[in-house]
Amino acid sequence: MKAKKLIAKMQALLSKDERDIARQKKEIEKLLVALEAKEQHFRHKLELADTDVEREKLERKIAVCNAQRQKGGQALISLKED
């Protein structure tokens, strides 16, 4: 799945209150795993990047994936506490 779709799904899950909490937890956990895999993919591509433009683009993608993983992790913690 593309990074944009993963990020959009995470944002949608974090913004919806009416969803079933158990289902929401499962979906967030799956997305966290997928985002981590995507981040690792981008890190691998970063090692092979030839140009500065390509490196900057990959670094931004890594930062966005990392930020979404942190938000998702915090949301998952708060859901488990409730």
N, C-alpha and C. Protein backbone atom coordinates (compact mmCIF):
# COMPACT_ATOMS: atom_id res chain seq x y z
N MET A 1 0.86 -1.17 0.00
CA MET A 1 0.00 0.00 0.00
C MET A 1 0.90 1.23 0.00
N LYS A 2 0.51 2.24 -0.72
CA LYS A 2 1.28 3.46 -0.80
C LYS A 2 1.25 4.20 0.54
N ALA A 3 2.32 4.96 0.79
CA ALA A 3 2.44 5.71 2.04
C ALA A 3 1.28 6.68 2.21
N LYS A 4 0.86 7.33 1.13
CA LYS A 4 -0.25 8.29 1.23
C LYS A 4 -1.51 7.62 1.74
N LYS A 5 -1.80 6.42 1.24
CA LYS A 5 -3.00 5.72 1.68
C LYS A 5 -2.89 5.31 3.14
N LEU A 6 -1.70 4.85 3.56
CA LEU A 6 -1.51 4.46 4.95
C LEU A 6 -1.71 5.66 5.88
N ILE A 7 -1.14 6.78 5.49
CA ILE A 7 -1.25 7.99 6.31
C ILE A 7 -2.69 8.47 6.36
N ALA A 8 -3.36 8.45 5.23
CA ALA A 8 -4.77 8.88 5.18
C ALA A 8 -5.64 7.99 6.05
N LYS A 9 -5.39 6.68 5.99
CA LYS A 9 -6.16 5.75 6.83
C LYS A 9 -5.94 6.03 8.31
N MET A 10 -4.66 6.26 8.69
CA MET A 10 -4.36 6.55 10.09
C MET A 10 -5.06 7.82 10.53
N GLN A 11 -5.02 8.86 9.72
CA GLN A 11 -5.67 10.12 10.08
C GLN A 11 -7.19 9.94 10.19
N ALA A 12 -7.77 9.14 9.31
CA ALA A 12 -9.21 8.90 9.37
C ALA A 12 -9.58 8.15 10.64
N LEU A 13 -8.77 7.18 11.01
CA LEU A 13 -9.05 6.42 12.22
C LEU A 13 -8.93 7.30 13.46
N LEU A 14 -7.94 8.16 13.46
CA LEU A 14 -7.73 9.01 14.63
C LEU A 14 -8.81 10.07 14.78
N SER A 15 -9.48 10.42 13.70
CA SER A 15 -10.47 11.49 13.77
C SER A 15 -11.90 11.00 13.98
N LYS A 16 -12.13 9.70 13.92
CA LYS A 16 -13.50 9.18 14.05
C LYS A 16 -13.73 8.63 15.45
N ASP A 17 -14.77 9.14 16.10
CA ASP A 17 -15.10 8.71 17.45
C ASP A 17 -16.16 7.61 17.46
N GLU A 18 -16.95 7.51 16.40
CA GLU A 18 -18.08 6.59 16.40
C GLU A 18 -17.70 5.14 16.09
N ARG A 19 -16.48 4.89 15.73
CA ARG A 19 -16.06 3.53 15.40
C ARG A 19 -16.01 2.65 16.65
N ASP A 20 -16.19 1.39 16.41
CA ASP A 20 -16.05 0.42 17.46
C ASP A 20 -14.60 0.43 17.94
N ILE A 21 -14.37 0.55 19.23
CA ILE A 21 -13.03 0.71 19.78
C ILE A 21 -12.15 -0.52 19.51
N ALA A 22 -12.69 -1.70 19.64
CA ALA A 22 -11.89 -2.90 19.40
C ALA A 22 -11.43 -2.97 17.95
N ARG A 23 -12.32 -2.65 17.05
CA ARG A 23 -11.96 -2.65 15.63
C ARG A 23 -10.94 -1.56 15.34
N GLN A 24 -11.13 -0.43 15.96
CA GLN A 24 -10.21 0.68 15.77
C GLN A 24 -8.80 0.30 16.25
N LYS A 25 -8.71 -0.38 17.38
CA LYS A 25 -7.41 -0.82 17.90
C LYS A 25 -6.72 -1.75 16.90
N LYS A 26 -7.47 -2.72 16.38
CA LYS A 26 -6.89 -3.67 15.42
C LYS A 26 -6.40 -2.96 14.16
N GLU A 27 -7.19 -2.04 13.66
CA GLU A 27 -6.81 -1.33 12.45
C GLU A 27 -5.59 -0.45 12.67
N ILE A 28 -5.53 0.21 13.82
CA ILE A 28 -4.37 1.05 14.13
C ILE A 28 -3.13 0.17 14.25
N GLU A 29 -3.24 -0.98 14.90
CA GLU A 29 -2.10 -1.87 15.03
C GLU A 29 -1.59 -2.32 13.66
N LYS A 30 -2.51 -2.68 12.77
CA LYS A 30 -2.12 -3.10 11.42
C LYS A 30 -1.45 -1.96 10.67
N LEU A 31 -1.99 -0.75 10.81
CA LEU A 31 -1.40 0.39 10.13
C LEU A 31 -0.03 0.75 10.70
N LEU A 32 0.14 0.59 11.99
CA LEU A 32 1.45 0.86 12.59
C LEU A 32 2.51 -0.07 12.02
N VAL A 33 2.16 -1.34 11.86
CA VAL A 33 3.08 -2.31 11.29
C VAL A 33 3.39 -1.94 9.84
N ALA A 34 2.36 -1.58 9.08
CA ALA A 34 2.54 -1.22 7.67
C ALA A 34 3.37 0.05 7.53
N LEU A 35 3.13 1.03 8.39
CA LEU A 35 3.91 2.26 8.34
C LEU A 35 5.37 2.01 8.71
N GLU A 36 5.61 1.13 9.66
CA GLU A 36 6.98 0.80 10.02
C GLU A 36 7.70 0.13 8.85
N ALA A 37 7.00 -0.77 8.18
CA ALA A 37 7.58 -1.44 7.02
C ALA A 37 7.87 -0.43 5.90
N LYS A 38 6.95 0.49 5.69
CA LYS A 38 7.13 1.51 4.65
C LYS A 38 8.31 2.41 5.02
N GLU A 39 8.43 2.76 6.28
CA GLU A 39 9.54 3.60 6.71
C GLU A 39 10.87 2.88 6.48
N GLN A 40 10.92 1.59 6.79
CA GLN A 40 12.14 0.81 6.55
C GLN A 40 12.45 0.75 5.06
N HIS A 41 11.43 0.62 4.24
CA HIS A 41 11.61 0.61 2.78
C HIS A 41 12.24 1.93 2.32
N PHE A 42 11.72 3.04 2.83
CA PHE A 42 12.26 4.35 2.46
C PHE A 42 13.70 4.50 2.97
N ARG A 43 13.99 3.99 4.16
CA ARG A 43 15.36 4.06 4.69
C ARG A 43 16.33 3.28 3.80
N HIS A 44 15.89 2.13 3.33
CA HIS A 44 16.72 1.34 2.43
C HIS A 44 16.96 2.09 1.12
N LYS A 45 15.91 2.70 0.58
CA LYS A 45 16.04 3.47 -0.65
C LYS A 45 16.95 4.69 -0.43
N LEU A 46 16.92 5.25 0.78
CA LEU A 46 17.75 6.40 1.10
C LEU A 46 19.22 6.04 1.00
N GLU A 47 19.57 4.85 1.44
CA GLU A 47 20.97 4.41 1.36
C GLU A 47 21.44 4.32 -0.09
N LEU A 48 20.52 4.06 -1.00
CA LEU A 48 20.87 3.89 -2.40
C LEU A 48 20.64 5.15 -3.24
N ALA A 49 20.15 6.21 -2.61
CA ALA A 49 19.81 7.44 -3.33
C ALA A 49 21.05 8.08 -3.94
N ASP A 50 20.89 8.57 -5.16
CA ASP A 50 22.02 9.17 -5.88
C ASP A 50 22.08 10.68 -5.76
N THR A 51 20.94 11.33 -5.75
CA THR A 51 20.93 12.80 -5.77
C THR A 51 20.45 13.36 -4.44
N ASP A 52 20.80 14.63 -4.21
CA ASP A 52 20.35 15.31 -3.00
C ASP A 52 18.84 15.48 -2.99
N VAL A 53 18.25 15.74 -4.14
CA VAL A 53 16.79 15.91 -4.24
C VAL A 53 16.09 14.62 -3.83
N GLU A 54 16.59 13.51 -4.32
CA GLU A 54 16.00 12.22 -3.98
C GLU A 54 16.14 11.93 -2.48
N ARG A 55 17.30 12.26 -1.92
CA ARG A 55 17.52 12.05 -0.48
C ARG A 55 16.55 12.90 0.35
N GLU A 56 16.40 14.16 -0.03
CA GLU A 56 15.49 15.05 0.71
C GLU A 56 14.06 14.54 0.65
N LYS A 57 13.64 14.09 -0.52
CA LYS A 57 12.28 13.57 -0.68
C LYS A 57 12.07 12.34 0.21
N LEU A 58 13.04 11.45 0.22
CA LEU A 58 12.93 10.24 1.04
C LEU A 58 12.98 10.58 2.53
N GLU A 59 13.80 11.54 2.91
CA GLU A 59 13.87 11.95 4.32
C GLU A 59 12.53 12.54 4.78
N ARG A 60 11.87 13.30 3.90
CA ARG A 60 10.54 13.83 4.24
C ARG A 60 9.54 12.69 4.41
N LYS A 61 9.57 11.72 3.51
CA LYS A 61 8.66 10.58 3.62
C LYS A 61 8.91 9.81 4.91
N ILE A 62 10.16 9.64 5.28
CA ILE A 62 10.50 8.94 6.52
C ILE A 62 9.97 9.72 7.72
N ALA A 63 10.14 11.04 7.69
CA ALA A 63 9.66 11.88 8.79
C ALA A 63 8.14 11.80 8.93
N VAL A 64 7.43 11.82 7.82
CA VAL A 64 5.96 11.74 7.86
C VAL A 64 5.52 10.38 8.40
N CYS A 65 6.13 9.31 7.92
CA CYS A 65 5.78 7.97 8.41
C CYS A 65 6.05 7.88 9.91
N ASN A 66 7.18 8.41 10.35
CA ASN A 66 7.52 8.37 11.76
C ASN A 66 6.52 9.16 12.60
N ALA A 67 6.14 10.34 12.12
CA ALA A 67 5.17 11.16 12.85
C ALA A 67 3.83 10.45 12.95
N GLN A 68 3.38 9.83 11.87
CA GLN A 68 2.11 9.11 11.89
C GLN A 68 2.18 7.90 12.82
N ARG A 69 3.32 7.23 12.84
CA ARG A 69 3.48 6.09 13.75
C ARG A 69 3.40 6.56 15.21
N GLN A 70 4.00 7.70 15.50
CA GLN A 70 3.94 8.22 16.86
C GLN A 70 2.52 8.59 17.25
N LYS A 71 1.81 9.26 16.35
CA LYS A 71 0.42 9.63 16.62
C LYS A 71 -0.44 8.38 16.82
N GLY A 72 -0.24 7.40 15.96
CA GLY A 72 -0.99 6.16 16.06
C GLY A 72 -0.68 5.41 17.35
N GLY A 73 0.58 5.41 17.73
CA GLY A 73 0.98 4.76 18.98
C GLY A 73 0.35 5.43 20.19
N GLN A 74 0.34 6.75 20.19
CA GLN A 74 -0.29 7.48 21.30
C GLN A 74 -1.79 7.21 21.35
N ALA A 75 -2.42 7.17 20.18
CA ALA A 75 -3.86 6.89 20.12
C ALA A 75 -4.15 5.49 20.62
N LEU A 76 -3.31 4.55 20.25
CA LEU A 76 -3.49 3.17 20.68
C LEU A 76 -3.34 3.05 22.20
N ILE A 77 -2.39 3.74 22.75
CA ILE A 77 -2.20 3.74 24.21
C ILE A 77 -3.45 4.31 24.90
N SER A 78 -3.95 5.43 24.39
CA SER A 78 -5.13 6.04 25.01
C SER A 78 -6.37 5.16 24.85
N LEU A 79 -6.48 4.44 23.73
CA LEU A 79 -7.62 3.53 23.56
C LEU A 79 -7.53 2.35 24.53
N LYS A 80 -6.34 1.87 24.76
CA LYS A 80 -6.16 0.74 25.68
C LYS A 80 -6.41 1.14 27.11
N GLU A 81 -6.15 2.42 27.43
CA GLU A 81 -6.39 2.90 28.79
C GLU A 81 -7.87 3.06 29.09
N ASP A 82 -8.65 3.35 28.06
CA ASP A 82 -10.10 3.58 28.26
C ASP A 82 -10.87 2.32 28.47
